[in-house]
PDB file of N, CA and C in Angstrom:
ATOM      1  N   MET A   1       0.852  -1.181   0.000  1.00  0.00           N
ATOM      2  CA  MET A   1       0.000   0.000   0.000  1.00  0.00           C
ATOM      3  C   MET A   1       0.892   1.236   0.000  1.00  0.00           C
ATOM      4  N   ASP A   2       0.511   2.182  -0.780  1.00  0.00           N
ATOM      5  CA  ASP A   2       1.253   3.427  -0.879  1.00  0.00           C
ATOM      6  C   ASP A   2       1.161   4.184   0.444  1.00  0.00           C
ATOM      7  N   LEU A   3       2.290   4.721   0.881  1.00  0.00           N
ATOM      8  CA  LEU A   3       2.318   5.416   2.161  1.00  0.00           C
ATOM      9  C   LEU A   3       1.498   6.701   2.138  1.00  0.00           C
ATOM     10  N   SER A   4       1.387   7.323   0.984  1.00  0.00           N
ATOM     11  CA  SER A   4       0.643   8.582   0.920  1.00  0.00           C
ATOM     12  C   SER A   4      -0.859   8.386   1.091  1.00  0.00           C
ATOM     13  N   ILE A   5      -1.358   7.181   0.815  1.00  0.00           N
ATOM     14  CA  ILE A   5      -2.791   6.936   1.003  1.00  0.00           C
ATOM     15  C   ILE A   5      -3.142   6.893   2.490  1.00  0.00           C
ATOM     16  N   LEU A   6      -2.172   6.533   3.326  1.00  0.00           N
ATOM     17  CA  LEU A   6      -2.432   6.474   4.767  1.00  0.00           C
ATOM     18  C   LEU A   6      -2.744   7.849   5.348  1.00  0.00           C
ATOM     19  N   TRP A   7      -2.134   8.885   4.786  1.00  0.00           N
ATOM     20  CA  TRP A   7      -2.410  10.240   5.278  1.00  0.00           C
ATOM     21  C   TRP A   7      -3.861  10.643   5.026  1.00  0.00           C
ATOM     22  N   TYR A   8      -4.511   9.997   4.068  1.00  0.00           N
ATOM     23  CA  TYR A   8      -5.916  10.264   3.793  1.00  0.00           C
ATOM     24  C   TYR A   8      -6.837   9.304   4.550  1.00  0.00           C
ATOM     25  N   LEU A   9      -6.378   8.096   4.770  1.00  0.00           N
ATOM     26  CA  LEU A   9      -7.212   7.101   5.441  1.00  0.00           C
ATOM     27  C   LEU A   9      -7.272   7.298   6.953  1.00  0.00           C
ATOM     28  N   ILE A  10      -6.234   7.838   7.547  1.00  0.00           N
ATOM     29  CA  ILE A  10      -6.225   8.037   9.000  1.00  0.00           C
ATOM     30  C   ILE A  10      -7.346   8.974   9.454  1.00  0.00           C
ATOM     31  N   PRO A  11      -7.576  10.139   8.820  1.00  0.00           N
ATOM     32  CA  PRO A  11      -8.718  10.958   9.243  1.00  0.00           C
ATOM     33  C   PRO A  11     -10.064  10.264   9.030  1.00  0.00           C
ATOM     34  N   SER A  12     -10.153   9.462   7.982  1.00  0.00           N
ATOM     35  CA  SER A  12     -11.393   8.739   7.737  1.00  0.00           C
ATOM     36  C   SER A  12     -11.661   7.720   8.837  1.00  0.00           C
ATOM     37  N   VAL A  13     -10.627   7.016   9.244  1.00  0.00           N
ATOM     38  CA  VAL A  13     -10.776   6.037  10.331  1.00  0.00           C
ATOM     39  C   VAL A  13     -11.111   6.742  11.642  1.00  0.00           C
ATOM     40  N   LEU A  14     -10.477   7.872  11.900  1.00  0.00           N
ATOM     41  CA  LEU A  14     -10.783   8.628  13.122  1.00  0.00           C
ATOM     42  C   LEU A  14     -12.231   9.136  13.113  1.00  0.00           C
ATOM     43  N   MET A  15     -12.688   9.608  11.965  1.00  0.00           N
ATOM     44  CA  MET A  15     -14.081  10.054  11.864  1.00  0.00           C
ATOM     45  C   MET A  15     -15.043   8.911  12.130  1.00  0.00           C
ATOM     46  N   PHE A  16     -14.757   7.751  11.550  1.00  0.00           N
ATOM     47  CA  PHE A  16     -15.632   6.598  11.736  1.00  0.00           C
ATOM     48  C   PHE A  16     -15.623   6.142  13.194  1.00  0.00           C
ATOM     49  N   ALA A  17     -14.443   6.137  13.823  1.00  0.00           N
ATOM     50  CA  ALA A  17     -14.349   5.727  15.220  1.00  0.00           C
ATOM     51  C   ALA A  17     -15.100   6.697  16.129  1.00  0.00           C
ATOM     52  N   CYS A  18     -15.006   7.994  15.859  1.00  0.00           N
ATOM     53  CA  CYS A  18     -15.765   8.975  16.646  1.00  0.00           C
ATOM     54  C   CYS A  18     -17.264   8.790  16.448  1.00  0.00           C
ATOM     55  N   GLY A  19     -17.665   8.470  15.236  1.00  0.00           N
ATOM     56  CA  GLY A  19     -19.073   8.228  14.966  1.00  0.00           C
ATOM     57  C   GLY A  19     -19.598   7.000  15.686  1.00  0.00           C
ATOM     58  N   VAL A  20     -18.822   5.922  15.692  1.00  0.00           N
ATOM     59  CA  VAL A  20     -19.234   4.707  16.407  1.00  0.00           C
ATOM     60  C   VAL A  20     -19.308   4.968  17.903  1.00  0.00           C
ATOM     61  N   TYR A  21     -18.320   5.669  18.432  1.00  0.00           N
ATOM     62  CA  TYR A  21     -18.328   5.997  19.859  1.00  0.00           C
ATOM     63  C   TYR A  21     -19.544   6.843  20.226  1.00  0.00           C
ATOM     64  N   GLY A  22     -19.835   7.851  19.415  1.00  0.00           N
ATOM     65  CA  GLY A  22     -21.000   8.692  19.679  1.00  0.00           C
ATOM     66  C   GLY A  22     -22.306   7.942  19.542  1.00  0.00           C
ATOM     67  N   PHE A  23     -22.380   7.039  18.575  1.00  0.00           N
ATOM     68  CA  PHE A  23     -23.596   6.257  18.368  1.00  0.00           C
ATOM     69  C   PHE A  23     -23.866   5.327  19.543  1.00  0.00           C
ATOM     70  N   ILE A  24     -22.808   4.766  20.107  1.00  0.00           N
ATOM     71  CA  ILE A  24     -22.977   3.822  21.209  1.00  0.00           C
ATOM     72  C   ILE A  24     -23.235   4.535  22.534  1.00  0.00           C
ATOM     73  N   THR A  25     -22.602   5.669  22.769  1.00  0.00           N
ATOM     74  CA  THR A  25     -22.655   6.292  24.090  1.00  0.00           C
ATOM     75  C   THR A  25     -23.741   7.345  24.257  1.00  0.00           C
ATOM     76  N   ARG A  26     -24.250   7.916  23.208  1.00  0.00           N
ATOM     77  CA  ARG A  26     -25.228   8.996  23.335  1.00  0.00           C
ATOM     78  C   ARG A  26     -26.621   8.465  23.601  1.00  0.00           C
ATOM     79  N   ARG A  27     -27.419   9.280  24.295  1.00  0.00           N
ATOM     80  CA  ARG A  27     -28.804   8.921  24.568  1.00  0.00           C
ATOM     81  C   ARG A  27     -29.781   9.840  23.839  1.00  0.00           C
ATOM     82  N   ASN A  28     -29.289  10.965  23.377  1.00  0.00           N
ATOM     83  CA  ASN A  28     -30.117  11.922  22.660  1.00  0.00           C
ATOM     84  C   ASN A  28     -30.226  11.490  21.200  1.00  0.00           C
ATOM     85  N   MET A  29     -31.438  11.480  20.661  1.00  0.00           N
ATOM     86  CA  MET A  29     -31.638  11.007  19.287  1.00  0.00           C
ATOM     87  C   MET A  29     -30.934  11.886  18.259  1.00  0.00           C
ATOM     88  N   VAL A  30     -30.870  13.176  18.507  1.00  0.00           N
ATOM     89  CA  VAL A  30     -30.205  14.078  17.570  1.00  0.00           C
ATOM     90  C   VAL A  30     -28.697  13.810  17.565  1.00  0.00           C
ATOM     91  N   ALA A  31     -28.115  13.575  18.736  1.00  0.00           N
ATOM     92  CA  ALA A  31     -26.682  13.258  18.809  1.00  0.00           C
ATOM     93  C   ALA A  31     -26.390  11.924  18.134  1.00  0.00           C
ATOM     94  N   ILE A  32     -27.293  10.964  18.268  1.00  0.00           N
ATOM     95  CA  ILE A  32     -27.122   9.679  17.589  1.00  0.00           C
ATOM     96  C   ILE A  32     -27.177   9.877  16.081  1.00  0.00           C
ATOM     97  N   LEU A  33     -28.083  10.719  15.613  1.00  0.00           N
ATOM     98  CA  LEU A  33     -28.187  11.011  14.182  1.00  0.00           C
ATOM     99  C   LEU A  33     -26.918  11.686  13.662  1.00  0.00           C
ATOM    100  N   ILE A  34     -26.366  12.606  14.435  1.00  0.00           N
ATOM    101  CA  ILE A  34     -25.121  13.269  14.040  1.00  0.00           C
ATOM    102  C   ILE A  34     -23.979  12.261  13.963  1.00  0.00           C
ATOM    103  N   SER A  35     -23.930  11.334  14.916  1.00  0.00           N
ATOM    104  CA  SER A  35     -22.891  10.297  14.887  1.00  0.00           C
ATOM    105  C   SER A  35     -23.042   9.396  13.669  1.00  0.00           C
ATOM    106  N   LEU A  36     -24.260   9.073  13.333  1.00  0.00           N
ATOM    107  CA  LEU A  36     -24.511   8.256  12.146  1.00  0.00           C
ATOM    108  C   LEU A  36     -24.072   8.991  10.883  1.00  0.00           C
ATOM    109  N   GLU A  37     -24.350  10.266  10.806  1.00  0.00           N
ATOM    110  CA  GLU A  37     -23.919  11.061   9.649  1.00  0.00           C
ATOM    111  C   GLU A  37     -22.398  11.152   9.570  1.00  0.00           C
ATOM    112  N   LEU A  38     -21.737  11.196  10.726  1.00  0.00           N
ATOM    113  CA  LEU A  38     -20.279  11.216  10.738  1.00  0.00           C
ATOM    114  C   LEU A  38     -19.720   9.920  10.158  1.00  0.00           C
ATOM    115  N   MET A  39     -20.346   8.794  10.483  1.00  0.00           N
ATOM    116  CA  MET A  39     -19.908   7.512   9.920  1.00  0.00           C
ATOM    117  C   MET A  39     -20.160   7.457   8.412  1.00  0.00           C
ATOM    118  N   LEU A  40     -21.299   7.985   7.963  1.00  0.00           N
ATOM    119  CA  LEU A  40     -21.583   8.003   6.529  1.00  0.00           C
ATOM    120  C   LEU A  40     -20.598   8.902   5.774  1.00  0.00           C
ATOM    121  N   ASN A  41     -20.245  10.031   6.356  1.00  0.00           N
ATOM    122  CA  ASN A  41     -19.271  10.919   5.711  1.00  0.00           C
ATOM    123  C   ASN A  41     -17.890  10.275   5.653  1.00  0.00           C
ATOM    124  N   SER A  42     -17.553   9.480   6.650  1.00  0.00           N
ATOM    125  CA  SER A  42     -16.289   8.758   6.610  1.00  0.00           C
ATOM    126  C   SER A  42     -16.278   7.745   5.465  1.00  0.00           C
ATOM    127  N   ALA A  43     -17.382   7.057   5.264  1.00  0.00           N
ATOM    128  CA  ALA A  43     -17.470   6.111   4.146  1.00  0.00           C
ATOM    129  C   ALA A  43     -17.383   6.842   2.807  1.00  0.00           C
ATOM    130  N   ASP A  44     -18.021   8.005   2.699  1.00  0.00           N
ATOM    131  CA  ASP A  44     -17.934   8.800   1.467  1.00  0.00           C
ATOM    132  C   ASP A  44     -16.497   9.242   1.202  1.00  0.00           C
ATOM    133  N   LEU A  45     -15.808   9.610   2.264  1.00  0.00           N
ATOM    134  CA  LEU A  45     -14.410  10.000   2.110  1.00  0.00           C
ATOM    135  C   LEU A  45     -13.569   8.832   1.604  1.00  0.00           C
ATOM    136  N   ASN A  46     -13.871   7.633   2.067  1.00  0.00           N
ATOM    137  CA  ASN A  46     -13.154   6.450   1.575  1.00  0.00           C
ATOM    138  C   ASN A  46     -13.425   6.203   0.103  1.00  0.00           C
ATOM    139  N   PHE A  47     -14.664   6.429  -0.351  1.00  0.00           N
ATOM    140  CA  PHE A  47     -14.961   6.280  -1.780  1.00  0.00           C
ATOM    141  C   PHE A  47     -14.081   7.206  -2.620  1.00  0.00           C
ATOM    142  N   VAL A  48     -13.943   8.427  -2.178  1.00  0.00           N
ATOM    143  CA  VAL A  48     -13.138   9.396  -2.929  1.00  0.00           C
ATOM    144  C   VAL A  48     -11.659   9.027  -2.874  1.00  0.00           C
ATOM    145  N   ILE A  49     -11.189   8.623  -1.705  1.00  0.00           N
ATOM    146  CA  ILE A  49      -9.771   8.279  -1.560  1.00  0.00           C
ATOM    147  C   ILE A  49      -9.397   7.100  -2.454  1.00  0.00           C
ATOM    148  N   PHE A  50     -10.177   6.027  -2.387  1.00  0.00           N
ATOM    149  CA  PHE A  50      -9.829   4.848  -3.179  1.00  0.00           C
ATOM    150  C   PHE A  50     -10.020   5.086  -4.675  1.00  0.00           C
ATOM    151  N   ASN A  51     -10.979   5.901  -5.046  1.00  0.00           N
ATOM    152  CA  ASN A  51     -11.123   6.242  -6.459  1.00  0.00           C
ATOM    153  C   ASN A  51      -9.916   7.033  -6.939  1.00  0.00           C
ATOM    154  N   ARG A  52      -9.444   7.942  -6.122  1.00  0.00           N
ATOM    155  CA  ARG A  52      -8.315   8.786  -6.503  1.00  0.00           C
ATOM    156  C   ARG A  52      -7.037   7.970  -6.681  1.00  0.00           C
ATOM    157  N   PHE A  53      -6.817   7.009  -5.790  1.00  0.00           N
ATOM    158  CA  PHE A  53      -5.564   6.258  -5.840  1.00  0.00           C
ATOM    159  C   PHE A  53      -5.619   5.027  -6.737  1.00  0.00           C
ATOM    160  N   LEU A  54      -6.781   4.396  -6.891  1.00  0.00           N
ATOM    161  CA  LEU A  54      -6.860   3.199  -7.725  1.00  0.00           C
ATOM    162  C   LEU A  54      -7.154   3.521  -9.184  1.00  0.00           C
ATOM    163  N   PHE A  55      -8.014   4.510  -9.417  1.00  0.00           N
ATOM    164  CA  PHE A  55      -8.396   4.884 -10.782  1.00  0.00           C
ATOM    165  C   PHE A  55      -8.287   6.405 -10.923  1.00  0.00           C
ATOM    166  N   PRO A  56      -7.076   6.936 -11.090  1.00  0.00           N
ATOM    167  CA  PRO A  56      -6.890   8.394 -11.075  1.00  0.00           C
ATOM    168  C   PRO A  56      -7.632   9.146 -12.172  1.00  0.00           C
ATOM    169  N   GLY A  57      -7.895   8.497 -13.303  1.00  0.00           N
ATOM    170  CA  GLY A  57      -8.523   9.210 -14.404  1.00  0.00           C
ATOM    171  C   GLY A  57     -10.043   9.173 -14.405  1.00  0.00           C
ATOM    172  N   SER A  58     -10.645   8.352 -13.566  1.00  0.00           N
ATOM    173  CA  SER A  58     -12.099   8.207 -13.613  1.00  0.00           C
ATOM    174  C   SER A  58     -12.765   8.982 -12.474  1.00  0.00           C
ATOM    175  N   MET A  59     -14.084   9.139 -12.620  1.00  0.00           N
ATOM    176  CA  MET A  59     -14.837   9.932 -11.645  1.00  0.00           C
ATOM    177  C   MET A  59     -15.947   9.132 -10.974  1.00  0.00           C
ATOM    178  N   GLU A  60     -15.904   7.788 -11.063  1.00  0.00           N
ATOM    179  CA  GLU A  60     -16.993   6.993 -10.510  1.00  0.00           C
ATOM    180  C   GLU A  60     -17.112   7.157  -9.001  1.00  0.00           C
ATOM    181  N   GLY A  61     -15.994   7.210  -8.298  1.00  0.00           N
ATOM    182  CA  GLY A  61     -16.028   7.386  -6.842  1.00  0.00           C
ATOM    183  C   GLY A  61     -16.634   8.713  -6.448  1.00  0.00           C
ATOM    184  N   MET A  62     -16.329   9.765  -7.214  1.00  0.00           N
ATOM    185  CA  MET A  62     -16.887  11.086  -6.914  1.00  0.00           C
ATOM    186  C   MET A  62     -18.392  11.116  -7.158  1.00  0.00           C
ATOM    187  N   VAL A  63     -18.825  10.515  -8.247  1.00  0.00           N
ATOM    188  CA  VAL A  63     -20.251  10.488  -8.575  1.00  0.00           C
ATOM    189  C   VAL A  63     -21.007   9.671  -7.530  1.00  0.00           C
ATOM    190  N   PHE A  64     -20.448   8.532  -7.154  1.00  0.00           N
ATOM    191  CA  PHE A  64     -21.089   7.704  -6.138  1.00  0.00           C
ATOM    192  C   PHE A  64     -21.151   8.439  -4.804  1.00  0.00           C
ATOM    193  N   THR A  65     -20.121   9.203  -4.469  1.00  0.00           N
ATOM    194  CA  THR A  65     -20.116   9.981  -3.232  1.00  0.00           C
ATOM    195  C   THR A  65     -21.183  11.058  -3.260  1.00  0.00           C
ATOM    196  N   LEU A  66     -21.335  11.754  -4.370  1.00  0.00           N
ATOM    197  CA  LEU A  66     -22.389  12.767  -4.472  1.00  0.00           C
ATOM    198  C   LEU A  66     -23.778  12.142  -4.344  1.00  0.00           C
ATOM    199  N   PHE A  67     -23.957  10.973  -4.927  1.00  0.00           N
ATOM    200  CA  PHE A  67     -25.222  10.255  -4.795  1.00  0.00           C
ATOM    201  C   PHE A  67     -25.459   9.853  -3.342  1.00  0.00           C
ATOM    202  N   ALA A  68     -24.420   9.382  -2.654  1.00  0.00           N
ATOM    203  CA  ALA A  68     -24.551   8.993  -1.252  1.00  0.00           C
ATOM    204  C   ALA A  68     -24.847  10.193  -0.361  1.00  0.00           C
ATOM    205  N   ILE A  69     -24.273  11.350  -0.667  1.00  0.00           N
ATOM    206  CA  ILE A  69     -24.550  12.560   0.103  1.00  0.00           C
ATOM    207  C   ILE A  69     -26.001  12.978  -0.088  1.00  0.00           C
ATOM    208  N   ALA A  70     -26.517  12.866  -1.307  1.00  0.00           N
ATOM    209  CA  ALA A  70     -27.924  13.207  -1.555  1.00  0.00           C
ATOM    210  C   ALA A  70     -28.857  12.270  -0.800  1.00  0.00           C
ATOM    211  N   ILE A  71     -28.546  10.983  -0.790  1.00  0.00           N
ATOM    212  CA  ILE A  71     -29.355  10.016  -0.050  1.00  0.00           C
ATOM    213  C   ILE A  71     -29.273  10.302   1.448  1.00  0.00           C
ATOM    214  N   ALA A  72     -28.086  10.637   1.950  1.00  0.00           N
ATOM    215  CA  ALA A  72     -27.918  10.939   3.373  1.00  0.00           C
ATOM    216  C   ALA A  72     -28.693  12.189   3.771  1.00  0.00           C
ATOM    217  N   ALA A  73     -28.770  13.174   2.884  1.00  0.00           N
ATOM    218  CA  ALA A  73     -29.542  14.385   3.185  1.00  0.00           C
ATOM    219  C   ALA A  73     -31.028  14.072   3.289  1.00  0.00           C
ATOM    220  N   ALA A  74     -31.524  13.232   2.393  1.00  0.00           N
ATOM    221  CA  ALA A  74     -32.933  12.841   2.458  1.00  0.00           C
ATOM    222  C   ALA A  74     -33.199  12.007   3.709  1.00  0.00           C
ATOM    223  N   GLU A  75     -32.277  11.128   4.048  1.00  0.00           N
ATOM    224  CA  GLU A  75     -32.423  10.307   5.259  1.00  0.00           C
ATOM    225  C   GLU A  75     -32.409  11.177   6.510  1.00  0.00           C
ATOM    226  N   THR A  76     -31.560  12.202   6.529  1.00  0.00           N
ATOM    227  CA  THR A  76     -31.506  13.095   7.681  1.00  0.00           C
ATOM    228  C   THR A  76     -32.800  13.888   7.830  1.00  0.00           C
ATOM    229  N   ALA A  77     -33.341  14.359   6.741  1.00  0.00           N
ATOM    230  CA  ALA A  77     -34.607  15.104   6.805  1.00  0.00           C
ATOM    231  C   ALA A  77     -35.727  14.216   7.338  1.00  0.00           C
ATOM    232  N   LEU A  78     -35.779  12.993   6.890  1.00  0.00           N
ATOM    233  CA  LEU A  78     -36.793  12.064   7.384  1.00  0.00           C
ATOM    234  C   LEU A  78     -36.573  11.735   8.858  1.00  0.00           C
ATOM    235  N   ALA A  79     -35.327  11.515   9.256  1.00  0.00           N
ATOM    236  CA  ALA A  79     -35.038  11.201  10.658  1.00  0.00           C
ATOM    237  C   ALA A  79     -35.360  12.367  11.571  1.00  0.00           C
ATOM    238  N   ILE A  80     -35.093  13.588  11.143  1.00  0.00           N
ATOM    239  CA  ILE A  80     -35.431  14.756  11.963  1.00  0.00           C
ATOM    240  C   ILE A  80     -36.938  14.900  12.088  1.00  0.00           C
ATOM    241  N   ALA A  81     -37.674  14.613  11.028  1.00  0.00           N
ATOM    242  CA  ALA A  81     -39.139  14.657  11.113  1.00  0.00           C
ATOM    243  C   ALA A  81     -39.657  13.622  12.113  1.00  0.00           C
ATOM    244  N   ILE A  82     -39.082  12.444  12.102  1.00  0.00           N
ATOM    245  CA  ILE A  82     -39.481  11.404  13.064  1.00  0.00           C
ATOM    246  C   ILE A  82     -39.126  11.829  14.480  1.00  0.00           C
ATOM    247  N   ILE A  83     -37.942  12.399  14.669  1.00  0.00           N
ATOM    248  CA  ILE A  83     -37.528  12.855  15.998  1.00  0.00           C
ATOM    249  C   ILE A  83     -38.446  13.959  16.498  1.00  0.00           C
ATOM    250  N   ILE A  84     -38.858  14.872  15.627  1.00  0.00           N
ATOM    251  CA  ILE A  84     -39.781  15.939  16.035  1.00  0.00           C
ATOM    252  C   ILE A  84     -41.120  15.355  16.459  1.00  0.00           C
ATOM    253  N   ASN A  85     -41.616  14.373  15.727  1.00  0.00           N
ATOM    254  CA  ASN A  85     -42.881  13.732  16.118  1.00  0.00           C
ATOM    255  C   ASN A  85     -42.750  12.996  17.441  1.00  0.00           C
ATOM    256  N   ILE A  86     -41.638  12.344  17.669  1.00  0.00           N
ATOM    257  CA  ILE A  86     -41.414  11.673  18.953  1.00  0.00           C
ATOM    258  C   ILE A  86     -41.336  12.705  20.071  1.00  0.00           C
ATOM    259  N   TYR A  87     -40.672  13.822  19.815  1.00  0.00           N
ATOM    260  CA  TYR A  87     -40.577  14.872  20.829  1.00  0.00           C
ATOM    261  C   TYR A  87     -41.957  15.437  21.167  1.00  0.00           C
ATOM    262  N   ARG A  88     -42.784  15.599  20.162  1.00  0.00           N
ATOM    263  CA  ARG A  88     -44.139  16.117  20.415  1.00  0.00           C
ATOM    264  C   ARG A  88     -44.976  15.148  21.234  1.00  0.00           C
ATOM    265  N   SER A  89     -44.823  13.861  21.019  1.00  0.00           N
ATOM    266  CA  SER A  89     -45.655  12.899  21.742  1.00  0.00           C
ATOM    267  C   SER A  89     -45.079  12.535  23.105  1.00  0.00           C
ATOM    268  N   VAL A  90     -43.758  12.469  23.222  1.00  0.00           N
ATOM    269  CA  VAL A  90     -43.139  12.051  24.480  1.00  0.00           C
ATOM    270  C   VAL A  90     -42.679  13.245  25.303  1.00  0.00           C
ATOM    271  N   GLY A  91     -42.185  14.276  24.646  1.00  0.00           N
ATOM    272  CA  GLY A  91     -41.692  15.459  25.347  1.00  0.00           C
ATOM    273  C   GLY A  91     -40.199  15.430  25.604  1.00  0.00           C
ATOM    274  N   SER A  92     -39.501  14.457  25.020  1.00  0.00           N
ATOM    275  CA  SER A  92     -38.067  14.331  25.201  1.00  0.00           C
ATOM    276  C   SER A  92     -37.476  13.635  23.979  1.00  0.00           C
ATOM    277  N   THR A  93     -36.192  13.873  23.756  1.00  0.00           N
ATOM    278  CA  THR A  93     -35.502  13.166  22.674  1.00  0.00           C
ATOM    279  C   THR A  93     -34.560  12.112  23.235  1.00  0.00           C
ATOM    280  N   ASP A  94     -34.732  11.779  24.499  1.00  0.00           N
ATOM    281  CA  ASP A  94     -33.932  10.721  25.112  1.00  0.00           C
ATOM    282  C   ASP A  94     -34.393   9.370  24.569  1.00  0.00           C
ATOM    283  N   ILE A  95     -33.447   8.550  24.190  1.00  0.00           N
ATOM    284  CA  ILE A  95     -33.774   7.276  23.550  1.00  0.00           C
ATOM    285  C   ILE A  95     -34.493   6.337  24.515  1.00  0.00           C
ATOM    286  N   ARG A  96     -34.259   6.494  25.809  1.00  0.00           N
ATOM    287  CA  ARG A  96     -34.926   5.618  26.784  1.00  0.00           C
ATOM    288  C   ARG A  96     -36.387   6.004  26.990  1.00  0.00           C
ATOM    289  N   GLU A  97     -36.750   7.193  26.654  1.00  0.00           N
ATOM    290  CA  GLU A  97     -38.123   7.651  26.849  1.00  0.00           C
ATOM    291  C   GLU A  97     -39.075   7.140  25.774  1.00  0.00           C
ATOM    292  N   THR A  98     -38.536   6.616  24.679  1.00  0.00           N
ATOM    293  CA  THR A  98     -39.413   6.161  23.594  1.00  0.00           C
ATOM    294  C   THR A  98     -40.153   4.889  23.947  1.00  0.00           C
ATOM    295  N   THR A  99     -39.766   4.219  24.991  1.00  0.00           N
ATOM    296  CA  THR A  99     -40.495   3.008  25.404  1.00  0.00           C
ATOM    297  C   THR A  99     -41.836   3.356  26.013  1.00  0.00           C
ATOM    298  N   LYS A 100     -42.046   4.628  26.335  1.00  0.00           N
ATOM    299  CA  LYS A 100     -43.315   5.054  26.917  1.00  0.00           C
ATOM    300  C   LYS A 100     -44.366   5.394  25.878  1.00  0.00           C
ATOM    301  N   MET A 101     -44.016   5.278  24.592  1.00  0.00           N
ATOM    302  CA  MET A 101     -44.963   5.607  23.540  1.00  0.00           C
ATOM    303  C   MET A 101     -46.039   4.539  23.443  1.00  0.00           C
ATOM    304  N   LYS A 102     -47.220   4.948  23.045  1.00  0.00           N
ATOM    305  CA  LYS A 102     -48.312   4.002  22.837  1.00  0.00           C
ATOM    306  C   LYS A 102     -48.329   3.596  21.378  1.00  0.00           C
ATOM    307  N   PHE A 103     -48.525   2.332  21.125  1.00  0.00           N
ATOM    308  CA  PHE A 103     -48.562   1.842  19.750  1.00  0.00           C
ATOM    309  C   PHE A 103     -49.966   1.502  19.356  1.00  0.00           C
TER     310      PHE A 103
END
């Protein structure tokens, strides 16, 4: 493996590790959503890095990353709408409070 690719992969791994840590330790739904987005952005960064180093002349990794960012934006909008509805019915965004919802 080329040593210069490591300088790009290390921030991606750190971003993913911070996202996993935040996803596991947070109780607030918005903080969990932010951690999930951090993990998705780390994966997008990997798409760009590997496209740049494996296929320098092509743009497939960049196009796929833009598509993934668009999907992540739609997913975030939907998740925030769900969180707002949960907040209106429960009165909190704590993940433990959602067990009090009526189905």
